[in-house]
Amino acid sequence: MNTPERFTLDSGTDIPLLWYRGQPVLTFALIDRVHQRTDGRAKKTFYENRDRFIAGEDFHLVDFAQRSEFRTFGIEVPPRGLTVVTESGYLMLVKSFSDDLAWQVQRQLINGYFRARRIEATPPAGLPNLFPGADQPPTARLDAALLRELRLISPALAQVYLVEMGITPEYVAGVLDRRGLALAATTAPNTAAGTAAVMPNNAAPLHYLRERLDRMADFSTAAVWIFLPDTWAAVCQPYDARDTLIRLRELGYLLCAPNRFTRQGPRQPNSRRRPACYHILKRLAKQPTAATVETAPSTETTA
């Protein structure tokens, strides 16, 4: 029996009905479970075709700060975030599943799971509404005074507040699109004159990184900031960490070995271990001018 919190397939498999930003979503683990696939199959398929999925439309990256919302369903959000797929992302992901069970499960999820309607709780008479403006556009929910205070305390807190109120990159892009406008295209210098490389869709803006790199780095030298992978994922939130690395590499701000993003970090205390880390050049902190053309550093440069 299906309830507002659970969904049961004809096979008897019972899964939680997950909601994110007002729509039903699925995790990779849930997709593997309902399709009776080996653990990790859906995730592997997603990352093999990552460039075909659009952030904010086919999938979302749930921030670690929202872990309490998913914990009620028995789902843990790791520090690096949790990827969830929408209806369109699910359909793209299971295109290669062609067995009889896959066809049955797809029909049930599309006609049932993704057609579910969320039942919003109504506060009893006489009690204040703790979530005013839930039916209003995101800009109408903002408290300007609170936003100013948060910006004075920490830009990161202000960023979290905006995201919680619904002011996300996808929302901004949608508003501009409806008004016939578009975000300025981001390009990178290329070795061939007159050409430009297209940047990844969900890379963190440089001004956003400049506010966070120095205070969040795990290690630092005169020339570079050094980040462990989990720390780097936290730095880039709510943007995609890998897309951001690709962008920095194209712009010449990432010091890396050939064919991979990482280099060895400092030796750990009381250990010979030198973990794989991301090395970001500190010249990123300097605002580049229009006349300056950044070139990629040699991979032989020492940190």
C-alpha atoms as a PDB file:
ATOM      1  CA  MET A   1       0.000   0.000   0.000  1.00  0.00           C
ATOM      2  CA  ASN A   2       1.351   3.413  -0.979  1.00  0.00           C
ATOM      3  CA  THR A   3       1.374   6.246   1.573  1.00  0.00           C
ATOM      4  CA  PRO A   4       2.566   9.879   1.404  1.00  0.00           C
ATOM      5  CA  GLU A   5       5.878   8.683   2.910  1.00  0.00           C
ATOM      6  CA  ARG A   6       6.351   5.260   1.250  1.00  0.00           C
ATOM      7  CA  PHE A   7       5.931   3.679  -2.183  1.00  0.00           C
ATOM      8  CA  THR A   8       5.462  -0.049  -2.753  1.00  0.00           C
ATOM      9  CA  LEU A   9       6.007  -1.741  -6.108  1.00  0.00           C
ATOM     10  CA  ASP A  10       4.029  -4.749  -7.363  1.00  0.00           C
ATOM     11  CA  SER A  11       7.039  -6.937  -6.540  1.00  0.00           C
ATOM     12  CA  GLY A  12       6.629  -5.998  -2.887  1.00  0.00           C
ATOM     13  CA  THR A  13       9.717  -3.783  -2.736  1.00  0.00           C
ATOM     14  CA  ASP A  14       9.041  -0.873  -0.414  1.00  0.00           C
ATOM     15  CA  ILE A  15      11.001   2.382  -0.706  1.00  0.00           C
ATOM     16  CA  PRO A  16      10.738   5.832   0.899  1.00  0.00           C
ATOM     17  CA  LEU A  17       9.131   8.586  -1.162  1.00  0.00           C
ATOM     18  CA  LEU A  18      11.933  11.168  -1.300  1.00  0.00           C
ATOM     19  CA  TRP A  19      11.275  14.813  -2.036  1.00  0.00           C
ATOM     20  CA  TYR A  20      13.789  17.483  -2.962  1.00  0.00           C
ATOM     21  CA  ARG A  21      12.939  21.012  -4.067  1.00  0.00           C
ATOM     22  CA  GLY A  22       9.290  20.109  -4.464  1.00  0.00           C
ATOM     23  CA  GLN A  23       9.636  17.011  -6.644  1.00  0.00           C
ATOM     24  CA  PRO A  24      10.114  13.250  -6.110  1.00  0.00           C
ATOM     25  CA  VAL A  25      13.717  12.055  -6.516  1.00  0.00           C
ATOM     26  CA  LEU A  26      15.634   8.782  -6.269  1.00  0.00           C
ATOM     27  CA  THR A  27      19.115   7.913  -5.032  1.00  0.00           C
ATOM     28  CA  PHE A  28      21.415   5.548  -6.924  1.00  0.00           C
ATOM     29  CA  ALA A  29      21.017   2.963  -4.161  1.00  0.00           C
ATOM     30  CA  LEU A  30      17.212   3.028  -4.459  1.00  0.00           C
ATOM     31  CA  ILE A  31      17.423   2.578  -8.243  1.00  0.00           C
ATOM     32  CA  ASP A  32      19.688  -0.451  -7.797  1.00  0.00           C
ATOM     33  CA  ARG A  33      17.283  -1.830  -5.210  1.00  0.00           C
ATOM     34  CA  VAL A  34      14.034  -1.573  -7.208  1.00  0.00           C
ATOM     35  CA  HIS A  35      15.704  -2.871 -10.383  1.00  0.00           C
ATOM     36  CA  GLN A  36      17.450  -5.656  -8.439  1.00  0.00           C
ATOM     37  CA  ARG A  37      20.861  -4.642  -9.778  1.00  0.00           C
ATOM     38  CA  THR A  38      24.222  -5.034  -8.095  1.00  0.00           C
ATOM     39  CA  ASP A  39      25.109  -2.190  -5.745  1.00  0.00           C
ATOM     40  CA  GLY A  40      26.812   0.656  -7.583  1.00  0.00           C
ATOM     41  CA  ARG A  41      25.427  -0.122 -11.056  1.00  0.00           C
ATOM     42  CA  ALA A  42      23.288   3.040 -11.313  1.00  0.00           C
ATOM     43  CA  LYS A  43      26.083   5.231  -9.944  1.00  0.00           C
ATOM     44  CA  LYS A  44      28.593   3.761 -12.402  1.00  0.00           C
ATOM     45  CA  THR A  45      26.225   4.365 -15.324  1.00  0.00           C
ATOM     46  CA  PHE A  46      25.663   7.956 -14.188  1.00  0.00           C
ATOM     47  CA  TYR A  47      29.344   8.868 -13.988  1.00  0.00           C
ATOM     48  CA  GLU A  48      30.126   7.124 -17.280  1.00  0.00           C
ATOM     49  CA  ASN A  49      27.641   9.501 -18.931  1.00  0.00           C
ATOM     50  CA  ARG A  50      28.002  12.468 -16.570  1.00  0.00           C
ATOM     51  CA  ASP A  51      28.329  15.043 -19.363  1.00  0.00           C
ATOM     52  CA  ARG A  52      24.873  14.110 -20.696  1.00  0.00           C
ATOM     53  CA  PHE A  53      23.071  14.949 -17.425  1.00  0.00           C
ATOM     54  CA  ILE A  54      22.099  18.537 -16.621  1.00  0.00           C
ATOM     55  CA  ALA A  55      22.447  19.734 -13.022  1.00  0.00           C
ATOM     56  CA  GLY A  56      19.197  21.121 -11.642  1.00  0.00           C
ATOM     57  CA  GLU A  57      17.145  19.349 -14.305  1.00  0.00           C
ATOM     58  CA  ASP A  58      18.230  15.693 -14.377  1.00  0.00           C
ATOM     59  CA  PHE A  59      19.876  15.558 -10.952  1.00  0.00           C
ATOM     60  CA  HIS A  60      20.612  17.551  -7.803  1.00  0.00           C
ATOM     61  CA  LEU A  61      23.498  17.440  -5.332  1.00  0.00           C
ATOM     62  CA  VAL A  62      22.068  17.482  -1.806  1.00  0.00           C
ATOM     63  CA  ASP A  63      24.263  19.480   0.568  1.00  0.00           C
ATOM     64  CA  PHE A  64      25.567  17.867   3.766  1.00  0.00           C
ATOM     65  CA  ALA A  65      23.785  20.629   5.711  1.00  0.00           C
ATOM     66  CA  GLN A  66      20.442  19.091   4.643  1.00  0.00           C
ATOM     67  CA  ARG A  67      21.270  15.637   5.988  1.00  0.00           C
ATOM     68  CA  SER A  68      18.556  15.802   8.673  1.00  0.00           C
ATOM     69  CA  GLU A  69      15.828  15.921   6.003  1.00  0.00           C
ATOM     70  CA  PHE A  70      16.965  12.609   4.494  1.00  0.00           C
ATOM     71  CA  ARG A  71      17.901  10.947   7.766  1.00  0.00           C
ATOM     72  CA  THR A  72      14.195  10.578   8.580  1.00  0.00           C
ATOM     73  CA  PHE A  73      14.022   8.156   5.617  1.00  0.00           C
ATOM     74  CA  GLY A  74      17.067   6.208   6.785  1.00  0.00           C
ATOM     75  CA  ILE A  75      19.309   7.783   4.143  1.00  0.00           C
ATOM     76  CA  GLU A  76      22.624   9.336   5.153  1.00  0.00           C
ATOM     77  CA  VAL A  77      24.074  12.304   3.271  1.00  0.00           C
ATOM     78  CA  PRO A  78      27.915  12.055   3.203  1.00  0.00           C
ATOM     79  CA  PRO A  79      30.062  15.186   3.731  1.00  0.00           C
ATOM     80  CA  ARG A  80      30.709  15.434  -0.012  1.00  0.00           C
ATOM     81  CA  GLY A  81      26.933  15.557  -0.650  1.00  0.00           C
ATOM     82  CA  LEU A  82      24.396  13.111  -2.076  1.00  0.00           C
ATOM     83  CA  THR A  83      23.374  12.931  -5.743  1.00  0.00           C
ATOM     84  CA  VAL A  84      19.653  12.398  -6.370  1.00  0.00           C
ATOM     85  CA  VAL A  85      18.022  12.055  -9.792  1.00  0.00           C
ATOM     86  CA  THR A  86      14.732  13.494 -11.023  1.00  0.00           C
ATOM     87  CA  GLU A  87      12.245  11.801 -13.329  1.00  0.00           C
ATOM     88  CA  SER A  88      14.147  12.840 -16.463  1.00  0.00           C
ATOM     89  CA  GLY A  89      17.451  11.742 -14.936  1.00  0.00           C
ATOM     90  CA  TYR A  90      15.963   8.375 -13.959  1.00  0.00           C
ATOM     91  CA  LEU A  91      14.683   7.740 -17.498  1.00  0.00           C
ATOM     92  CA  MET A  92      18.106   8.553 -18.951  1.00  0.00           C
ATOM     93  CA  LEU A  93      19.827   6.357 -16.388  1.00  0.00           C
ATOM     94  CA  VAL A  94      17.752   3.213 -17.036  1.00  0.00           C
ATOM     95  CA  LYS A  95      17.783   3.360 -20.835  1.00  0.00           C
ATOM     96  CA  SER A  96      20.192   0.422 -20.840  1.00  0.00           C
ATOM     97  CA  PHE A  97      17.918  -1.700 -18.581  1.00  0.00           C
ATOM     98  CA  SER A  98      15.906  -3.795 -21.041  1.00  0.00           C
ATOM     99  CA  ASP A  99      14.840  -6.927 -19.114  1.00  0.00           C
ATOM    100  CA  ASP A 100      11.165  -7.632 -18.289  1.00  0.00           C
ATOM    101  CA  LEU A 101      11.519  -6.503 -14.670  1.00  0.00           C
ATOM    102  CA  ALA A 102      13.040  -3.186 -15.776  1.00  0.00           C
ATOM    103  CA  TRP A 103      10.045  -2.404 -18.022  1.00  0.00           C
ATOM    104  CA  GLN A 104       7.605  -3.180 -15.190  1.00  0.00           C
ATOM    105  CA  VAL A 105       9.514  -1.114 -12.631  1.00  0.00           C
ATOM    106  CA  GLN A 106       9.857   1.858 -14.997  1.00  0.00           C
ATOM    107  CA  ARG A 107       6.102   1.908 -15.664  1.00  0.00           C
ATOM    108  CA  GLN A 108       5.281   1.772 -11.935  1.00  0.00           C
ATOM    109  CA  LEU A 109       7.755   4.495 -10.970  1.00  0.00           C
ATOM    110  CA  ILE A 110       6.733   6.853 -13.794  1.00  0.00           C
ATOM    111  CA  ASN A 111       2.982   6.371 -13.292  1.00  0.00           C
ATOM    112  CA  GLY A 112       3.112   6.194  -9.492  1.00  0.00           C
ATOM    113  CA  TYR A 113       6.275   7.356  -7.734  1.00  0.00           C
ATOM    114  CA  PHE A 114       6.993  10.431  -9.874  1.00  0.00           C
ATOM    115  CA  ARG A 115       3.276  11.354 -10.068  1.00  0.00           C
ATOM    116  CA  ALA A 116       2.900  11.532  -6.301  1.00  0.00           C
ATOM    117  CA  ARG A 117       1.694  14.760  -4.753  1.00  0.00           C
ATOM    118  CA  ARG A 118       3.212  16.002  -1.546  1.00  0.00           C
ATOM    119  CA  ILE A 119       0.755  16.531   1.300  1.00  0.00           C
ATOM    120  CA  GLU A 120       1.721  19.672   3.146  1.00  0.00           C
ATOM    121  CA  ALA A 121       0.863  19.818   6.844  1.00  0.00           C
ATOM    122  CA  THR A 122      -1.560  22.595   7.830  1.00  0.00           C
ATOM    123  CA  PRO A 123      -0.941  24.129  11.266  1.00  0.00           C
ATOM    124  CA  PRO A 124      -3.881  23.793  13.670  1.00  0.00           C
ATOM    125  CA  ALA A 125      -6.063  26.854  14.211  1.00  0.00           C
ATOM    126  CA  GLY A 126      -4.622  29.281  16.712  1.00  0.00           C
ATOM    127  CA  LEU A 127      -0.984  28.242  16.144  1.00  0.00           C
ATOM    128  CA  PRO A 128       1.460  30.440  14.176  1.00  0.00           C
ATOM    129  CA  ASN A 129       2.631  29.274  10.769  1.00  0.00           C
ATOM    130  CA  LEU A 130       6.314  28.437  11.220  1.00  0.00           C
ATOM    131  CA  PHE A 131       6.955  28.538   7.459  1.00  0.00           C
ATOM    132  CA  PRO A 132       5.300  31.710   6.130  1.00  0.00           C
ATOM    133  CA  GLY A 133       5.431  32.357   2.412  1.00  0.00           C
ATOM    134  CA  ALA A 134       5.847  28.706   1.400  1.00  0.00           C
ATOM    135  CA  ASP A 135       3.475  29.325  -1.512  1.00  0.00           C
ATOM    136  CA  GLN A 136       5.279  32.515  -2.595  1.00  0.00           C
ATOM    137  CA  PRO A 137       8.206  32.874  -5.020  1.00  0.00           C
ATOM    138  CA  PRO A 138      11.663  32.589  -3.409  1.00  0.00           C
ATOM    139  CA  THR A 139      12.409  36.310  -3.570  1.00  0.00           C
ATOM    140  CA  ALA A 140       9.268  37.041  -1.530  1.00  0.00           C
ATOM    141  CA  ARG A 141      10.424  34.723   1.285  1.00  0.00           C
ATOM    142  CA  LEU A 142      13.730  36.483   1.911  1.00  0.00           C
ATOM    143  CA  ASP A 143      14.245  38.546   5.011  1.00  0.00           C
ATOM    144  CA  ALA A 144      16.524  41.343   3.806  1.00  0.00           C
ATOM    145  CA  ALA A 145      17.640  42.312   7.318  1.00  0.00           C
ATOM    146  CA  LEU A 146      18.519  38.717   8.192  1.00  0.00           C
ATOM    147  CA  LEU A 147      20.423  38.302   4.922  1.00  0.00           C
ATOM    148  CA  ARG A 148      22.520  41.417   5.679  1.00  0.00           C
ATOM    149  CA  GLU A 149      23.328  40.088   9.163  1.00  0.00           C
ATOM    150  CA  LEU A 150      24.364  36.699   7.789  1.00  0.00           C
ATOM    151  CA  ARG A 151      26.635  38.324   5.216  1.00  0.00           C
ATOM    152  CA  LEU A 152      28.395  40.210   8.012  1.00  0.00           C
ATOM    153  CA  ILE A 153      28.838  37.012  10.033  1.00  0.00           C
ATOM    154  CA  SER A 154      29.875  34.715   7.183  1.00  0.00           C
ATOM    155  CA  PRO A 155      29.356  34.719   3.387  1.00  0.00           C
ATOM    156  CA  ALA A 156      28.932  30.944   3.628  1.00  0.00           C
ATOM    157  CA  LEU A 157      25.973  31.312   6.007  1.00  0.00           C
ATOM    158  CA  ALA A 158      24.373  33.825   3.667  1.00  0.00           C
ATOM    159  CA  GLN A 159      24.856  31.396   0.773  1.00  0.00           C
ATOM    160  CA  VAL A 160      23.158  28.584   2.720  1.00  0.00           C
ATOM    161  CA  TYR A 161      20.255  30.903   3.610  1.00  0.00           C
ATOM    162  CA  LEU A 162      19.718  31.860  -0.033  1.00  0.00           C
ATOM    163  CA  VAL A 163      19.739  28.210  -1.136  1.00  0.00           C
ATOM    164  CA  GLU A 164      17.282  27.243   1.631  1.00  0.00           C
ATOM    165  CA  MET A 165      14.937  30.022   0.511  1.00  0.00           C
ATOM    166  CA  GLY A 166      15.090  28.719  -3.061  1.00  0.00           C
ATOM    167  CA  ILE A 167      17.530  31.226  -4.598  1.00  0.00           C
ATOM    168  CA  THR A 168      19.637  28.631  -6.404  1.00  0.00           C
ATOM    169  CA  PRO A 169      21.688  28.921  -9.628  1.00  0.00           C
ATOM    170  CA  GLU A 170      18.926  26.982 -11.400  1.00  0.00           C
ATOM    171  CA  TYR A 171      16.270  29.414 -10.130  1.00  0.00           C
ATOM    172  CA  VAL A 172      18.276  32.454 -11.288  1.00  0.00           C
ATOM    173  CA  ALA A 173      18.899  30.890 -14.695  1.00  0.00           C
ATOM    174  CA  GLY A 174      15.184  30.113 -15.033  1.00  0.00           C
ATOM    175  CA  VAL A 175      14.145  33.683 -14.197  1.00  0.00           C
ATOM    176  CA  LEU A 176      16.604  35.094 -16.734  1.00  0.00           C
ATOM    177  CA  ASP A 177      15.438  32.616 -19.354  1.00  0.00           C
ATOM    178  CA  ARG A 178      11.776  33.623 -18.883  1.00  0.00           C
ATOM    179  CA  ARG A 179      12.782  37.261 -19.364  1.00  0.00           C
ATOM    180  CA  GLY A 180      14.676  36.479 -22.526  1.00  0.00           C
ATOM    181  CA  LEU A 181      18.059  36.986 -20.893  1.00  0.00           C
ATOM    182  CA  ALA A 182      20.932  34.603 -20.224  1.00  0.00           C
ATOM    183  CA  LEU A 183      23.905  34.305 -17.922  1.00  0.00           C
ATOM    184  CA  ALA A 184      27.118  35.519 -19.533  1.00  0.00           C
ATOM    185  CA  ALA A 185      28.892  32.600 -21.165  1.00  0.00           C
ATOM    186  CA  THR A 186      32.040  31.577 -19.315  1.00  0.00           C
ATOM    187  CA  THR A 187      34.987  30.772 -21.553  1.00  0.00           C
ATOM    188  CA  ALA A 188      38.609  29.998 -21.016  1.00  0.00           C
ATOM    189  CA  PRO A 189      41.683  31.074 -22.969  1.00  0.00           C
ATOM    190  CA  ASN A 190      42.830  28.542 -25.538  1.00  0.00           C
ATOM    191  CA  THR A 191      46.194  28.034 -27.158  1.00  0.00           C
ATOM    192  CA  ALA A 192      44.629  28.510 -30.599  1.00  0.00           C
ATOM    193  CA  ALA A 193      43.917  32.157 -31.327  1.00  0.00           C
ATOM    194  CA  GLY A 194      40.264  33.072 -31.600  1.00  0.00           C
ATOM    195  CA  THR A 195      38.930  29.913 -29.947  1.00  0.00           C
ATOM    196  CA  ALA A 196      37.484  29.345 -26.488  1.00  0.00           C
ATOM    197  CA  ALA A 197      36.860  26.238 -24.431  1.00  0.00           C
ATOM    198  CA  VAL A 198      33.366  25.720 -23.005  1.00  0.00           C
ATOM    199  CA  MET A 199      33.409  25.364 -19.237  1.00  0.00           C
ATOM    200  CA  PRO A 200      31.550  22.654 -17.277  1.00  0.00           C
ATOM    201  CA  ASN A 201      27.895  23.387 -16.469  1.00  0.00           C
ATOM    202  CA  ASN A 202      28.075  23.362 -12.674  1.00  0.00           C
ATOM    203  CA  ALA A 203      31.515  24.748 -11.810  1.00  0.00           C
ATOM    204  CA  ALA A 204      31.803  27.124  -8.850  1.00  0.00           C
ATOM    205  CA  PRO A 205      32.375  30.786  -9.897  1.00  0.00           C
ATOM    206  CA  LEU A 206      35.846  32.148  -9.251  1.00  0.00           C
ATOM    207  CA  HIS A 207      34.606  34.938  -6.967  1.00  0.00           C
ATOM    208  CA  TYR A 208      32.841  32.289  -4.853  1.00  0.00           C
ATOM    209  CA  LEU A 209      36.078  30.286  -4.531  1.00  0.00           C
ATOM    210  CA  ARG A 210      38.167  33.341  -3.654  1.00  0.00           C
ATOM    211  CA  GLU A 211      36.010  33.886  -0.540  1.00  0.00           C
ATOM    212  CA  ARG A 212      36.521  30.311   0.704  1.00  0.00           C
ATOM    213  CA  LEU A 213      39.905  28.928  -0.363  1.00  0.00           C
ATOM    214  CA  ASP A 214      42.198  30.641   2.123  1.00  0.00           C
ATOM    215  CA  ARG A 215      40.109  29.904   5.233  1.00  0.00           C
ATOM    216  CA  MET A 216      39.165  26.309   4.305  1.00  0.00           C
ATOM    217  CA  ALA A 217      42.487  24.933   3.013  1.00  0.00           C
ATOM    218  CA  ASP A 218      43.861  21.849   4.771  1.00  0.00           C
ATOM    219  CA  PHE A 219      47.472  22.925   4.072  1.00  0.00           C
ATOM    220  CA  SER A 220      49.108  25.978   2.558  1.00  0.00           C
ATOM    221  CA  THR A 221      52.455  27.046   1.110  1.00  0.00           C
ATOM    222  CA  ALA A 222      53.646  30.326  -0.319  1.00  0.00           C
ATOM    223  CA  ALA A 223      52.382  29.321  -3.778  1.00  0.00           C
ATOM    224  CA  VAL A 224      49.434  26.946  -3.336  1.00  0.00           C
ATOM    225  CA  TRP A 225      46.449  25.969  -1.223  1.00  0.00           C
ATOM    226  CA  ILE A 226      46.194  22.213  -0.674  1.00  0.00           C
ATOM    227  CA  PHE A 227      42.886  20.401  -0.163  1.00  0.00           C
ATOM    228  CA  LEU A 228      41.972  16.837   0.728  1.00  0.00           C
ATOM    229  CA  PRO A 229      39.124  15.509  -1.481  1.00  0.00           C
ATOM    230  CA  ASP A 230      36.427  15.733   1.223  1.00  0.00           C
ATOM    231  CA  THR A 231      37.424  19.292   2.093  1.00  0.00           C
ATOM    232  CA  TRP A 232      37.373  20.278  -1.573  1.00  0.00           C
ATOM    233  CA  ALA A 233      33.826  18.925  -1.927  1.00  0.00           C
ATOM    234  CA  ALA A 234      32.777  21.128   1.014  1.00  0.00           C
ATOM    235  CA  VAL A 235      34.515  24.168  -0.511  1.00  0.00           C
ATOM    236  CA  CYS A 236      32.598  23.803  -3.793  1.00  0.00           C
ATOM    237  CA  GLN A 237      29.138  23.269  -2.295  1.00  0.00           C
ATOM    238  CA  PRO A 238      26.528  23.749  -3.685  1.00  0.00           C
ATOM    239  CA  TYR A 239      28.431  23.440  -6.984  1.00  0.00           C
ATOM    240  CA  ASP A 240      30.005  20.329  -8.485  1.00  0.00           C
ATOM    241  CA  ALA A 241      33.525  19.658  -7.190  1.00  0.00           C
ATOM    242  CA  ARG A 242      34.745  17.823 -10.300  1.00  0.00           C
ATOM    243  CA  ASP A 243      33.342  20.437 -12.697  1.00  0.00           C
ATOM    244  CA  THR A 244      35.157  23.081 -10.667  1.00  0.00           C
ATOM    245  CA  LEU A 245      38.451  21.192 -10.925  1.00  0.00           C
ATOM    246  CA  ILE A 246      38.037  20.937 -14.693  1.00  0.00           C
ATOM    247  CA  ARG A 247      37.426  24.661 -14.879  1.00  0.00           C
ATOM    248  CA  LEU A 248      40.451  25.534 -12.758  1.00  0.00           C
ATOM    249  CA  ARG A 249      42.640  23.219 -14.820  1.00  0.00           C
ATOM    250  CA  GLU A 250      41.506  24.912 -18.036  1.00  0.00           C
ATOM    251  CA  LEU A 251      42.210  28.341 -16.534  1.00  0.00           C
ATOM    252  CA  GLY A 252      45.648  27.268 -15.329  1.00  0.00           C
ATOM    253  CA  TYR A 253      44.938  27.529 -11.586  1.00  0.00           C
ATOM    254  CA  LEU A 254      45.162  23.799 -10.801  1.00  0.00           C
ATOM    255  CA  LEU A 255      48.594  22.244 -10.283  1.00  0.00           C
ATOM    256  CA  CYS A 256      48.192  18.584 -11.217  1.00  0.00           C
ATOM    257  CA  ALA A 257      49.864  15.533 -12.649  1.00  0.00           C
ATOM    258  CA  PRO A 258      49.138  14.433 -16.241  1.00  0.00           C
ATOM    259  CA  ASN A 259      45.745  12.709 -16.666  1.00  0.00           C
ATOM    260  CA  ARG A 260      44.619  13.314 -13.097  1.00  0.00           C
ATOM    261  CA  PHE A 261      43.666  16.203 -10.840  1.00  0.00           C
ATOM    262  CA  THR A 262      45.688  15.263  -7.770  1.00  0.00           C
ATOM    263  CA  ARG A 263      49.260  15.546  -6.553  1.00  0.00           C
ATOM    264  CA  GLN A 264      50.821  14.204  -3.391  1.00  0.00           C
ATOM    265  CA  GLY A 265      50.132  16.321  -0.334  1.00  0.00           C
ATOM    266  CA  PRO A 266      52.329  16.939   2.709  1.00  0.00           C
ATOM    267  CA  ARG A 267      53.482  13.977   4.760  1.00  0.00           C
ATOM    268  CA  GLN A 268      51.070  13.184   7.593  1.00  0.00           C
ATOM    269  CA  PRO A 269      52.238  13.478  11.244  1.00  0.00           C
ATOM    270  CA  ASN A 270      53.859  10.279  12.580  1.00  0.00           C
ATOM    271  CA  SER A 271      53.385   8.612   9.219  1.00  0.00           C
ATOM    272  CA  ARG A 272      55.069   8.215   5.867  1.00  0.00           C
ATOM    273  CA  ARG A 273      51.751   8.586   4.117  1.00  0.00           C
ATOM    274  CA  ARG A 274      51.387  11.429   1.629  1.00  0.00           C
ATOM    275  CA  PRO A 275      47.712  11.616   0.585  1.00  0.00           C
ATOM    276  CA  ALA A 276      46.488  12.611  -2.856  1.00  0.00           C
ATOM    277  CA  CYS A 277      45.399  16.253  -2.704  1.00  0.00           C
ATOM    278  CA  TYR A 278      44.275  19.104  -4.943  1.00  0.00           C
ATOM    279  CA  HIS A 279      46.819  21.936  -5.317  1.00  0.00           C
ATOM    280  CA  ILE A 280      45.260  25.313  -6.189  1.00  0.00           C
ATOM    281  CA  LEU A 281      47.617  28.128  -7.165  1.00  0.00           C
ATOM    282  CA  LYS A 282      47.300  31.216  -4.974  1.00  0.00           C
ATOM    283  CA  ARG A 283      47.372  33.521  -7.948  1.00  0.00           C
ATOM    284  CA  LEU A 284      43.689  32.661  -8.256  1.00  0.00           C
ATOM    285  CA  ALA A 285      43.175  35.182  -5.435  1.00  0.00           C
ATOM    286  CA  LYS A 286      44.327  37.974  -7.754  1.00  0.00           C
ATOM    287  CA  GLN A 287      41.601  39.390  -9.959  1.00  0.00           C
ATOM    288  CA  PRO A 288      42.742  38.830 -13.571  1.00  0.00           C
ATOM    289  CA  THR A 289      42.554  41.776 -15.946  1.00  0.00           C
ATOM    290  CA  ALA A 290      41.222  41.656 -19.493  1.00  0.00           C
ATOM    291  CA  ALA A 291      44.740  42.029 -20.856  1.00  0.00           C
ATOM    292  CA  THR A 292      46.112  39.135 -18.813  1.00  0.00           C
ATOM    293  CA  VAL A 293      46.143  35.679 -20.411  1.00  0.00           C
ATOM    294  CA  GLU A 294      46.680  32.864 -17.930  1.00  0.00           C
ATOM    295  CA  THR A 295      48.638  29.866 -19.209  1.00  0.00           C
ATOM    296  CA  ALA A 296      48.704  26.417 -17.667  1.00  0.00           C
ATOM    297  CA  PRO A 297      51.739  25.822 -15.407  1.00  0.00           C
ATOM    298  CA  SER A 298      54.166  23.023 -16.042  1.00  0.00           C
ATOM    299  CA  THR A 299      53.304  19.839 -14.188  1.00  0.00           C
ATOM    300  CA  GLU A 300      56.929  19.681 -13.023  1.00  0.00           C
ATOM    301  CA  THR A 301      56.538  22.785 -10.859  1.00  0.00           C
ATOM    302  CA  THR A 302      57.007  21.924  -7.229  1.00  0.00           C
ATOM    303  CA  ALA A 303      54.576  23.124  -4.593  1.00  0.00           C
END
